[in-house]
Amino acid sequence: MRRLAVALAVAALTGLAPWALAAPDFAALQIQPYDPPKPAPAFSLPDLDGRTTTLADLRGKVVMLFFWATW
């Protein structure tokens, strides 16, 4: 059993393992690959005091936006 584990570890590390040769089939696993986040588009909104604030003004800060409507 120990020899099997060592053989599988060596095969995995050298890329000879069967699962290391083929790309994962995400459709069969019913998962989607991760897409890295994209930068937010430039926009401006009025703040509570009526002044216009742009997203570029907040560069380097954590920004949390809440958009809601009542209709």
N, C-alpha and C. Protein backbone atom coordinates (compact mmCIF):
# COMPACT_ATOMS: atom_id res chain seq x y z
N MET A 1 0.83 -1.19 0.00
CA MET A 1 0.00 0.00 0.00
C MET A 1 0.87 1.25 0.00
N ARG A 2 1.96 1.21 0.76
CA ARG A 2 2.85 2.36 0.83
C ARG A 2 3.54 2.59 -0.51
N ARG A 3 3.90 1.50 -1.20
CA ARG A 3 4.55 1.63 -2.50
C ARG A 3 3.60 2.25 -3.51
N LEU A 4 2.33 1.89 -3.44
CA LEU A 4 1.34 2.46 -4.34
C LEU A 4 1.20 3.97 -4.10
N ALA A 5 1.17 4.36 -2.85
CA ALA A 5 1.05 5.78 -2.52
C ALA A 5 2.27 6.55 -3.02
N VAL A 6 3.45 5.97 -2.85
CA VAL A 6 4.68 6.62 -3.31
C VAL A 6 4.68 6.71 -4.84
N ALA A 7 4.26 5.63 -5.51
CA ALA A 7 4.23 5.62 -6.97
C ALA A 7 3.24 6.66 -7.49
N LEU A 8 2.09 6.79 -6.87
CA LEU A 8 1.12 7.79 -7.28
C LEU A 8 1.63 9.21 -7.04
N ALA A 9 2.32 9.41 -5.93
CA ALA A 9 2.88 10.73 -5.64
C ALA A 9 3.95 11.10 -6.66
N VAL A 10 4.82 10.16 -7.00
CA VAL A 10 5.86 10.41 -7.99
C VAL A 10 5.24 10.68 -9.35
N ALA A 11 4.23 9.91 -9.72
CA ALA A 11 3.56 10.11 -11.00
C ALA A 11 2.89 11.48 -11.06
N ALA A 12 2.28 11.88 -9.97
CA ALA A 12 1.61 13.18 -9.93
C ALA A 12 2.62 14.32 -10.01
N LEU A 13 3.74 14.18 -9.33
CA LEU A 13 4.75 15.24 -9.33
C LEU A 13 5.46 15.35 -10.68
N THR A 14 5.60 14.26 -11.38
CA THR A 14 6.29 14.29 -12.67
C THR A 14 5.34 14.53 -13.83
N GLY A 15 4.04 14.58 -13.58
CA GLY A 15 3.08 14.83 -14.64
C GLY A 15 2.70 13.58 -15.40
N LEU A 16 3.06 12.40 -14.90
CA LEU A 16 2.74 11.16 -15.58
C LEU A 16 1.42 10.56 -15.15
N ALA A 17 0.77 11.16 -14.21
CA ALA A 17 -0.51 10.64 -13.74
C ALA A 17 -1.56 10.87 -14.82
N PRO A 18 -2.48 9.95 -15.00
CA PRO A 18 -3.50 10.11 -16.05
C PRO A 18 -4.32 11.37 -15.89
N TRP A 19 -4.63 11.78 -14.68
CA TRP A 19 -5.42 12.98 -14.47
C TRP A 19 -4.62 14.25 -14.74
N ALA A 20 -3.29 14.16 -14.79
CA ALA A 20 -2.46 15.33 -15.05
C ALA A 20 -2.29 15.58 -16.55
N LEU A 21 -2.63 14.63 -17.39
CA LEU A 21 -2.41 14.77 -18.83
C LEU A 21 -3.54 15.52 -19.52
N ALA A 22 -4.77 15.37 -19.07
CA ALA A 22 -5.92 15.98 -19.74
C ALA A 22 -6.38 17.21 -18.95
N ALA A 23 -6.89 18.18 -19.69
CA ALA A 23 -7.47 19.36 -19.05
C ALA A 23 -8.77 18.95 -18.37
N PRO A 24 -9.11 19.58 -17.27
CA PRO A 24 -10.35 19.21 -16.58
C PRO A 24 -11.58 19.49 -17.44
N ASP A 25 -12.55 18.61 -17.38
CA ASP A 25 -13.79 18.76 -18.13
C ASP A 25 -14.80 19.46 -17.21
N PHE A 26 -14.79 20.80 -17.26
CA PHE A 26 -15.64 21.57 -16.36
C PHE A 26 -17.12 21.34 -16.62
N ALA A 27 -17.49 21.10 -17.86
CA ALA A 27 -18.90 20.87 -18.18
C ALA A 27 -19.41 19.59 -17.52
N ALA A 28 -18.58 18.54 -17.53
CA ALA A 28 -19.00 17.29 -16.90
C ALA A 28 -19.09 17.43 -15.39
N LEU A 29 -18.25 18.30 -14.82
CA LEU A 29 -18.27 18.51 -13.37
C LEU A 29 -19.35 19.50 -12.95
N GLN A 30 -19.99 20.13 -13.93
CA GLN A 30 -21.04 21.12 -13.70
C GLN A 30 -20.54 22.30 -12.86
N ILE A 31 -19.31 22.73 -13.16
CA ILE A 31 -18.75 23.91 -12.51
C ILE A 31 -18.20 24.82 -13.60
N GLN A 32 -18.03 26.09 -13.27
CA GLN A 32 -17.47 27.05 -14.21
C GLN A 32 -16.09 27.46 -13.72
N PRO A 33 -15.15 27.61 -14.64
CA PRO A 33 -13.82 28.07 -14.21
C PRO A 33 -13.90 29.50 -13.71
N TYR A 34 -12.99 29.85 -12.84
CA TYR A 34 -12.94 31.18 -12.22
C TYR A 34 -12.42 32.19 -13.23
N ASP A 35 -13.15 33.27 -13.42
CA ASP A 35 -12.69 34.38 -14.24
C ASP A 35 -12.20 35.48 -13.29
N PRO A 36 -10.98 35.96 -13.48
CA PRO A 36 -10.49 37.01 -12.58
C PRO A 36 -11.36 38.27 -12.69
N PRO A 37 -11.45 39.02 -11.62
CA PRO A 37 -12.30 40.22 -11.65
C PRO A 37 -11.78 41.25 -12.64
N LYS A 38 -12.70 42.02 -13.16
CA LYS A 38 -12.36 43.08 -14.10
C LYS A 38 -12.48 44.42 -13.38
N PRO A 39 -11.71 45.41 -13.79
CA PRO A 39 -11.81 46.72 -13.13
C PRO A 39 -13.21 47.31 -13.34
N ALA A 40 -13.66 48.05 -12.36
CA ALA A 40 -14.97 48.71 -12.46
C ALA A 40 -14.90 49.84 -13.48
N PRO A 41 -15.97 50.07 -14.21
CA PRO A 41 -15.97 51.19 -15.16
C PRO A 41 -15.98 52.52 -14.42
N ALA A 42 -15.47 53.54 -15.06
CA ALA A 42 -15.45 54.88 -14.46
C ALA A 42 -16.88 55.41 -14.38
N PHE A 43 -17.24 55.94 -13.22
CA PHE A 43 -18.56 56.55 -13.06
C PHE A 43 -18.50 57.58 -11.95
N SER A 44 -19.52 58.40 -11.88
CA SER A 44 -19.62 59.40 -10.81
C SER A 44 -21.05 59.41 -10.29
N LEU A 45 -21.17 59.68 -9.00
CA LEU A 45 -22.48 59.72 -8.34
C LEU A 45 -22.48 60.85 -7.32
N PRO A 46 -23.64 61.42 -7.05
CA PRO A 46 -23.70 62.43 -5.99
C PRO A 46 -23.66 61.77 -4.62
N ASP A 47 -22.98 62.43 -3.67
CA ASP A 47 -22.96 61.92 -2.31
C ASP A 47 -24.13 62.54 -1.53
N LEU A 48 -24.18 62.30 -0.25
CA LEU A 48 -25.31 62.79 0.57
C LEU A 48 -25.33 64.31 0.68
N ASP A 49 -24.18 64.95 0.46
CA ASP A 49 -24.11 66.42 0.53
C ASP A 49 -24.35 67.07 -0.83
N GLY A 50 -24.59 66.28 -1.88
CA GLY A 50 -24.85 66.81 -3.20
C GLY A 50 -23.60 66.99 -4.06
N ARG A 51 -22.43 66.73 -3.52
CA ARG A 51 -21.20 66.85 -4.30
C ARG A 51 -21.02 65.59 -5.15
N THR A 52 -20.48 65.76 -6.34
CA THR A 52 -20.25 64.62 -7.23
C THR A 52 -18.92 63.96 -6.86
N THR A 53 -18.98 62.66 -6.67
CA THR A 53 -17.79 61.87 -6.35
C THR A 53 -17.57 60.85 -7.46
N THR A 54 -16.35 60.77 -7.94
CA THR A 54 -16.03 59.79 -8.98
C THR A 54 -15.34 58.59 -8.36
N LEU A 55 -15.38 57.50 -9.05
CA LEU A 55 -14.70 56.30 -8.56
C LEU A 55 -13.19 56.52 -8.51
N ALA A 56 -12.66 57.30 -9.43
CA ALA A 56 -11.21 57.57 -9.45
C ALA A 56 -10.79 58.33 -8.18
N ASP A 57 -11.68 59.13 -7.59
CA ASP A 57 -11.36 59.84 -6.35
C ASP A 57 -11.12 58.88 -5.19
N LEU A 58 -11.66 57.69 -5.29
CA LEU A 58 -11.57 56.72 -4.20
C LEU A 58 -10.54 55.63 -4.45
N ARG A 59 -9.69 55.82 -5.45
CA ARG A 59 -8.68 54.80 -5.79
C ARG A 59 -7.82 54.48 -4.56
N GLY A 60 -7.63 53.19 -4.32
CA GLY A 60 -6.82 52.73 -3.19
C GLY A 60 -7.63 52.54 -1.91
N LYS A 61 -8.90 52.88 -1.92
CA LYS A 61 -9.76 52.72 -0.75
C LYS A 61 -10.77 51.62 -1.03
N VAL A 62 -11.30 51.04 0.02
CA VAL A 62 -12.36 50.05 -0.11
C VAL A 62 -13.66 50.78 -0.38
N VAL A 63 -14.36 50.36 -1.42
CA VAL A 63 -15.61 51.01 -1.81
C VAL A 63 -16.72 49.98 -1.77
N MET A 64 -17.79 50.28 -1.05
CA MET A 64 -18.96 49.41 -1.01
C MET A 64 -20.14 50.22 -1.53
N LEU A 65 -20.77 49.69 -2.57
CA LEU A 65 -21.89 50.39 -3.19
C LEU A 65 -23.19 49.66 -2.91
N PHE A 66 -24.22 50.41 -2.58
CA PHE A 66 -25.56 49.86 -2.44
C PHE A 66 -26.46 50.59 -3.41
N PHE A 67 -26.97 49.87 -4.39
CA PHE A 67 -27.92 50.42 -5.34
C PHE A 67 -29.28 49.82 -5.03
N TRP A 68 -30.28 50.65 -4.83
CA TRP A 68 -31.61 50.14 -4.56
C TRP A 68 -32.63 51.12 -5.15
N ALA A 69 -33.80 50.64 -5.33
CA ALA A 69 -34.85 51.48 -5.88
C ALA A 69 -36.19 51.10 -5.25
N THR A 70 -37.09 52.02 -5.27
CA THR A 70 -38.46 51.73 -4.79
C THR A 70 -39.41 51.99 -5.93
N TRP A 71 -39.94 50.97 -6.49
CA TRP A 71 -40.93 51.11 -7.53
C TRP A 71 -42.02 50.08 -7.37
